[in-house]
PDB file of N, CA and C in Angstrom:
ATOM      1  N   UNK A   1      35.635 -21.953   3.704  1.00  0.00           N
ATOM      2  CA  UNK A   1      34.549 -22.912   3.884  1.00  0.00           C
ATOM      3  C   UNK A   1      34.854 -23.790   5.093  1.00  0.00           C
ATOM      4  N   UNK A   2      33.864 -23.965   5.946  1.00  0.00           N
ATOM      5  CA  UNK A   2      34.036 -24.806   7.125  1.00  0.00           C
ATOM      6  C   UNK A   2      34.045 -26.278   6.719  1.00  0.00           C
ATOM      7  N   UNK A   3      34.734 -27.060   7.508  1.00  0.00           N
ATOM      8  CA  UNK A   3      34.713 -28.494   7.288  1.00  0.00           C
ATOM      9  C   UNK A   3      33.821 -29.136   8.330  1.00  0.00           C
ATOM     10  N   UNK A   4      33.238 -30.242   7.984  1.00  0.00           N
ATOM     11  CA  UNK A   4      32.353 -30.969   8.884  1.00  0.00           C
ATOM     12  C   UNK A   4      31.471 -31.904   8.092  1.00  0.00           C
ATOM     13  N   UNK A   5      30.599 -32.634   8.759  1.00  0.00           N
ATOM     14  CA  UNK A   5      29.744 -33.600   8.061  1.00  0.00           C
ATOM     15  C   UNK A   5      28.782 -32.960   7.054  1.00  0.00           C
ATOM     16  N   UNK A   6      28.456 -31.686   7.236  1.00  0.00           N
ATOM     17  CA  UNK A   6      27.543 -31.004   6.311  1.00  0.00           C
ATOM     18  C   UNK A   6      28.299 -30.079   5.364  1.00  0.00           C
ATOM     19  N   UNK A   7      29.612 -30.188   5.314  1.00  0.00           N
ATOM     20  CA  UNK A   7      30.436 -29.324   4.479  1.00  0.00           C
ATOM     21  C   UNK A   7      30.009 -29.429   3.015  1.00  0.00           C
ATOM     22  N   UNK A   8      29.809 -28.291   2.387  1.00  0.00           N
ATOM     23  CA  UNK A   8      29.411 -28.260   0.982  1.00  0.00           C
ATOM     24  C   UNK A   8      27.917 -28.286   0.753  1.00  0.00           C
ATOM     25  N   UNK A   9      27.114 -28.509   1.789  1.00  0.00           N
ATOM     26  CA  UNK A   9      25.664 -28.539   1.637  1.00  0.00           C
ATOM     27  C   UNK A   9      25.071 -27.149   1.846  1.00  0.00           C
ATOM     28  N   UNK A  10      24.044 -26.853   1.064  1.00  0.00           N
ATOM     29  CA  UNK A  10      23.260 -25.633   1.248  1.00  0.00           C
ATOM     30  C   UNK A  10      21.900 -26.099   1.755  1.00  0.00           C
ATOM     31  N   UNK A  11      21.569 -25.764   2.999  1.00  0.00           N
ATOM     32  CA  UNK A  11      20.356 -26.247   3.652  1.00  0.00           C
ATOM     33  C   UNK A  11      19.445 -25.062   3.940  1.00  0.00           C
ATOM     34  N   UNK A  12      18.189 -25.177   3.510  1.00  0.00           N
ATOM     35  CA  UNK A  12      17.203 -24.123   3.754  1.00  0.00           C
ATOM     36  C   UNK A  12      16.117 -24.654   4.689  1.00  0.00           C
ATOM     37  N   UNK A  13      15.576 -23.763   5.503  1.00  0.00           N
ATOM     38  CA  UNK A  13      14.515 -24.107   6.448  1.00  0.00           C
ATOM     39  C   UNK A  13      13.320 -23.200   6.161  1.00  0.00           C
ATOM     40  N   UNK A  14      12.129 -23.790   6.058  1.00  0.00           N
ATOM     41  CA  UNK A  14      10.918 -23.003   5.846  1.00  0.00           C
ATOM     42  C   UNK A  14       9.929 -23.301   6.961  1.00  0.00           C
ATOM     43  N   UNK A  15       9.000 -22.403   7.157  1.00  0.00           N
ATOM     44  CA  UNK A  15       7.970 -22.613   8.165  1.00  0.00           C
ATOM     45  C   UNK A  15       8.525 -22.525   9.568  1.00  0.00           C
ATOM     46  N   UNK A  16       7.840 -23.142  10.500  1.00  0.00           N
ATOM     47  CA  UNK A  16       8.235 -23.133  11.899  1.00  0.00           C
ATOM     48  C   UNK A  16       8.121 -24.550  12.450  1.00  0.00           C
ATOM     49  N   UNK A  17       8.687 -24.751  13.609  1.00  0.00           N
ATOM     50  CA  UNK A  17       8.777 -26.088  14.184  1.00  0.00           C
ATOM     51  C   UNK A  17       8.264 -26.059  15.615  1.00  0.00           C
ATOM     52  N   UNK A  18       7.490 -27.076  15.981  1.00  0.00           N
ATOM     53  CA  UNK A  18       6.906 -27.143  17.317  1.00  0.00           C
ATOM     54  C   UNK A  18       7.966 -27.316  18.398  1.00  0.00           C
ATOM     55  N   UNK A  19       8.890 -28.226  18.194  1.00  0.00           N
ATOM     56  CA  UNK A  19       9.818 -28.620  19.253  1.00  0.00           C
ATOM     57  C   UNK A  19      11.176 -27.931  19.201  1.00  0.00           C
ATOM     58  N   UNK A  20      11.444 -27.185  18.138  1.00  0.00           N
ATOM     59  CA  UNK A  20      12.774 -26.614  17.964  1.00  0.00           C
ATOM     60  C   UNK A  20      12.693 -25.133  17.614  1.00  0.00           C
ATOM     61  N   UNK A  21      13.699 -24.392  18.039  1.00  0.00           N
ATOM     62  CA  UNK A  21      13.843 -23.013  17.618  1.00  0.00           C
ATOM     63  C   UNK A  21      14.640 -23.024  16.319  1.00  0.00           C
ATOM     64  N   UNK A  22      14.069 -22.496  15.242  1.00  0.00           N
ATOM     65  CA  UNK A  22      14.693 -22.574  13.924  1.00  0.00           C
ATOM     66  C   UNK A  22      16.086 -21.943  13.919  1.00  0.00           C
ATOM     67  N   UNK A  23      16.276 -20.837  14.606  1.00  0.00           N
ATOM     68  CA  UNK A  23      17.584 -20.185  14.628  1.00  0.00           C
ATOM     69  C   UNK A  23      18.648 -21.070  15.273  1.00  0.00           C
ATOM     70  N   UNK A  24      18.281 -21.826  16.294  1.00  0.00           N
ATOM     71  CA  UNK A  24      19.231 -22.731  16.936  1.00  0.00           C
ATOM     72  C   UNK A  24      19.601 -23.885  16.009  1.00  0.00           C
ATOM     73  N   UNK A  25      18.620 -24.412  15.278  1.00  0.00           N
ATOM     74  CA  UNK A  25      18.889 -25.504  14.339  1.00  0.00           C
ATOM     75  C   UNK A  25      19.806 -25.015  13.223  1.00  0.00           C
ATOM     76  N   UNK A  26      19.560 -23.805  12.727  1.00  0.00           N
ATOM     77  CA  UNK A  26      20.403 -23.228  11.677  1.00  0.00           C
ATOM     78  C   UNK A  26      21.828 -23.057  12.181  1.00  0.00           C
ATOM     79  N   UNK A  27      21.977 -22.586  13.401  1.00  0.00           N
ATOM     80  CA  UNK A  27      23.308 -22.393  13.984  1.00  0.00           C
ATOM     81  C   UNK A  27      24.066 -23.713  14.078  1.00  0.00           C
ATOM     82  N   UNK A  28      23.383 -24.781  14.499  1.00  0.00           N
ATOM     83  CA  UNK A  28      24.028 -26.090  14.602  1.00  0.00           C
ATOM     84  C   UNK A  28      24.458 -26.571  13.218  1.00  0.00           C
ATOM     85  N   UNK A  29      23.601 -26.409  12.229  1.00  0.00           N
ATOM     86  CA  UNK A  29      23.947 -26.836  10.867  1.00  0.00           C
ATOM     87  C   UNK A  29      25.150 -26.057  10.343  1.00  0.00           C
ATOM     88  N   UNK A  30      25.206 -24.774  10.641  1.00  0.00           N
ATOM     89  CA  UNK A  30      26.346 -23.964  10.206  1.00  0.00           C
ATOM     90  C   UNK A  30      27.626 -24.399  10.913  1.00  0.00           C
ATOM     91  N   UNK A  31      27.537 -24.766  12.187  1.00  0.00           N
ATOM     92  CA  UNK A  31      28.709 -25.245  12.917  1.00  0.00           C
ATOM     93  C   UNK A  31      29.214 -26.564  12.341  1.00  0.00           C
ATOM     94  N   UNK A  32      28.296 -27.341  11.739  1.00  0.00           N
ATOM     95  CA  UNK A  32      28.672 -28.616  11.119  1.00  0.00           C
ATOM     96  C   UNK A  32      29.134 -28.448   9.671  1.00  0.00           C
ATOM     97  N   UNK A  33      29.207 -27.186   9.201  1.00  0.00           N
ATOM     98  CA  UNK A  33      29.777 -26.921   7.887  1.00  0.00           C
ATOM     99  C   UNK A  33      28.807 -26.513   6.802  1.00  0.00           C
ATOM    100  N   UNK A  34      27.521 -26.524   7.062  1.00  0.00           N
ATOM    101  CA  UNK A  34      26.528 -26.182   6.039  1.00  0.00           C
ATOM    102  C   UNK A  34      26.409 -24.674   5.862  1.00  0.00           C
ATOM    103  N   UNK A  35      25.922 -24.296   4.701  1.00  0.00           N
ATOM    104  CA  UNK A  35      25.543 -22.917   4.427  1.00  0.00           C
ATOM    105  C   UNK A  35      24.022 -22.884   4.508  1.00  0.00           C
ATOM    106  N   UNK A  36      23.469 -21.955   5.298  1.00  0.00           N
ATOM    107  CA  UNK A  36      22.021 -21.866   5.496  1.00  0.00           C
ATOM    108  C   UNK A  36      21.539 -20.474   5.088  1.00  0.00           C
ATOM    109  N   UNK A  37      21.105 -20.316   3.835  1.00  0.00           N
ATOM    110  CA  UNK A  37      20.635 -19.004   3.398  1.00  0.00           C
ATOM    111  C   UNK A  37      19.303 -18.651   4.049  1.00  0.00           C
ATOM    112  N   UNK A  38      18.996 -17.361   4.092  1.00  0.00           N
ATOM    113  CA  UNK A  38      17.734 -16.899   4.679  1.00  0.00           C
ATOM    114  C   UNK A  38      16.542 -17.162   3.765  1.00  0.00           C
ATOM    115  N   UNK A  39      16.798 -17.388   2.477  1.00  0.00           N
ATOM    116  CA  UNK A  39      15.707 -17.668   1.541  1.00  0.00           C
ATOM    117  C   UNK A  39      16.073 -18.872   0.682  1.00  0.00           C
ATOM    118  N   UNK A  40      15.082 -19.453   0.072  1.00  0.00           N
ATOM    119  CA  UNK A  40      15.264 -20.626  -0.774  1.00  0.00           C
ATOM    120  C   UNK A  40      15.893 -20.204  -2.099  1.00  0.00           C
ATOM    121  N   UNK A  41      16.931 -20.920  -2.515  1.00  0.00           N
ATOM    122  CA  UNK A  41      17.594 -20.629  -3.780  1.00  0.00           C
ATOM    123  C   UNK A  41      17.756 -21.921  -4.582  1.00  0.00           C
ATOM    124  N   UNK A  42      18.148 -21.776  -5.835  1.00  0.00           N
ATOM    125  CA  UNK A  42      18.394 -22.952  -6.670  1.00  0.00           C
ATOM    126  C   UNK A  42      19.595 -23.753  -6.195  1.00  0.00           C
ATOM    127  N   UNK A  43      20.445 -23.133  -5.406  1.00  0.00           N
ATOM    128  CA  UNK A  43      21.652 -23.799  -4.928  1.00  0.00           C
ATOM    129  C   UNK A  43      21.396 -24.741  -3.755  1.00  0.00           C
ATOM    130  N   UNK A  44      20.177 -24.744  -3.204  1.00  0.00           N
ATOM    131  CA  UNK A  44      19.865 -25.580  -2.033  1.00  0.00           C
ATOM    132  C   UNK A  44      19.954 -27.062  -2.377  1.00  0.00           C
ATOM    133  N   UNK A  45      20.608 -27.810  -1.492  1.00  0.00           N
ATOM    134  CA  UNK A  45      20.685 -29.260  -1.614  1.00  0.00           C
ATOM    135  C   UNK A  45      19.621 -29.942  -0.772  1.00  0.00           C
ATOM    136  N   UNK A  46      19.291 -29.322   0.375  1.00  0.00           N
ATOM    137  CA  UNK A  46      18.349 -29.909   1.327  1.00  0.00           C
ATOM    138  C   UNK A  46      17.364 -28.836   1.764  1.00  0.00           C
ATOM    139  N   UNK A  47      16.087 -29.211   1.843  1.00  0.00           N
ATOM    140  CA  UNK A  47      15.045 -28.299   2.312  1.00  0.00           C
ATOM    141  C   UNK A  47      14.301 -28.971   3.452  1.00  0.00           C
ATOM    142  N   UNK A  48      14.240 -28.298   4.598  1.00  0.00           N
ATOM    143  CA  UNK A  48      13.451 -28.763   5.729  1.00  0.00           C
ATOM    144  C   UNK A  48      12.203 -27.900   5.799  1.00  0.00           C
ATOM    145  N   UNK A  49      11.048 -28.541   5.710  1.00  0.00           N
ATOM    146  CA  UNK A  49       9.773 -27.831   5.742  1.00  0.00           C
ATOM    147  C   UNK A  49       9.170 -27.959   7.132  1.00  0.00           C
ATOM    148  N   UNK A  50       8.843 -26.826   7.727  1.00  0.00           N
ATOM    149  CA  UNK A  50       8.263 -26.819   9.068  1.00  0.00           C
ATOM    150  C   UNK A  50       6.859 -27.402   9.089  1.00  0.00           C
ATOM    151  N   UNK A  51       6.397 -27.700  10.298  1.00  0.00           N
ATOM    152  CA  UNK A  51       5.085 -28.311  10.483  1.00  0.00           C
ATOM    153  C   UNK A  51       3.952 -27.332  10.206  1.00  0.00           C
ATOM    154  N   UNK A  52       4.219 -26.046  10.335  1.00  0.00           N
ATOM    155  CA  UNK A  52       3.213 -25.031  10.071  1.00  0.00           C
ATOM    156  C   UNK A  52       3.903 -23.769   9.581  1.00  0.00           C
ATOM    157  N   UNK A  53       3.114 -22.862   9.060  1.00  0.00           N
ATOM    158  CA  UNK A  53       3.652 -21.627   8.494  1.00  0.00           C
ATOM    159  C   UNK A  53       3.252 -20.459   9.373  1.00  0.00           C
ATOM    160  N   UNK A  54       4.172 -19.524   9.553  1.00  0.00           N
ATOM    161  CA  UNK A  54       3.881 -18.294  10.280  1.00  0.00           C
ATOM    162  C   UNK A  54       3.626 -17.179   9.271  1.00  0.00           C
ATOM    163  N   UNK A  55       2.679 -16.299   9.577  1.00  0.00           N
ATOM    164  CA  UNK A  55       2.467 -15.144   8.710  1.00  0.00           C
ATOM    165  C   UNK A  55       3.512 -14.076   9.028  1.00  0.00           C
ATOM    166  N   UNK A  56       3.418 -12.935   8.388  1.00  0.00           N
ATOM    167  CA  UNK A  56       4.432 -11.892   8.559  1.00  0.00           C
ATOM    168  C   UNK A  56       4.470 -11.330   9.979  1.00  0.00           C
ATOM    169  N   UNK A  57       3.419 -11.575  10.768  1.00  0.00           N
ATOM    170  CA  UNK A  57       3.368 -11.092  12.149  1.00  0.00           C
ATOM    171  C   UNK A  57       3.757 -12.166  13.162  1.00  0.00           C
ATOM    172  N   UNK A  58       4.195 -13.347  12.671  1.00  0.00           N
ATOM    173  CA  UNK A  58       4.608 -14.414  13.562  1.00  0.00           C
ATOM    174  C   UNK A  58       3.462 -15.249  14.106  1.00  0.00           C
ATOM    175  N   UNK A  59       2.284 -15.138  13.488  1.00  0.00           N
ATOM    176  CA  UNK A  59       1.129 -15.937  13.921  1.00  0.00           C
ATOM    177  C   UNK A  59       1.019 -17.184  13.052  1.00  0.00           C
ATOM    178  N   UNK A  60       0.581 -18.279  13.667  1.00  0.00           N
ATOM    179  CA  UNK A  60       0.374 -19.508  12.901  1.00  0.00           C
ATOM    180  C   UNK A  60      -0.816 -19.345  11.970  1.00  0.00           C
ATOM    181  N   UNK A  61      -0.645 -19.858  10.756  1.00  0.00           N
ATOM    182  CA  UNK A  61      -1.783 -19.915   9.845  1.00  0.00           C
ATOM    183  C   UNK A  61      -2.633 -21.116  10.223  1.00  0.00           C
ATOM    184  N   UNK A  62      -3.923 -21.048   9.940  1.00  0.00           N
ATOM    185  CA  UNK A  62      -4.851 -22.098  10.371  1.00  0.00           C
ATOM    186  C   UNK A  62      -4.587 -23.439   9.711  1.00  0.00           C
ATOM    187  N   UNK A  63      -4.170 -23.441   8.465  1.00  0.00           N
ATOM    188  CA  UNK A  63      -3.990 -24.685   7.740  1.00  0.00           C
ATOM    189  C   UNK A  63      -2.527 -25.085   7.727  1.00  0.00           C
ATOM    190  N   UNK A  64      -2.175 -26.252   8.296  1.00  0.00           N
ATOM    191  CA  UNK A  64      -0.799 -26.703   8.232  1.00  0.00           C
ATOM    192  C   UNK A  64      -0.450 -27.157   6.816  1.00  0.00           C
ATOM    193  N   UNK A  65       0.811 -27.170   6.511  1.00  0.00           N
ATOM    194  CA  UNK A  65       1.268 -27.650   5.198  1.00  0.00           C
ATOM    195  C   UNK A  65       1.247 -29.167   5.233  1.00  0.00           C
ATOM    196  N   UNK A  66       0.670 -29.781   4.228  1.00  0.00           N
ATOM    197  CA  UNK A  66       0.644 -31.238   4.131  1.00  0.00           C
ATOM    198  C   UNK A  66       1.545 -31.700   3.022  1.00  0.00           C
TER     199      UNK A  66
END
């Protein structure tokens, strides 16, 4: 297990983000010690919800998540 400020945290990311590349944010969190699974699990401590959702083809859905 890595040590760092996020050590011991399981952080999940959903949706997409306007200003950030999700893969880069996940990489930074992992470097700080967090575990970032590809899907949401009961073990998650923190969930970051994106500003909008992408469909299976990578297109934005019309309705943002509120």
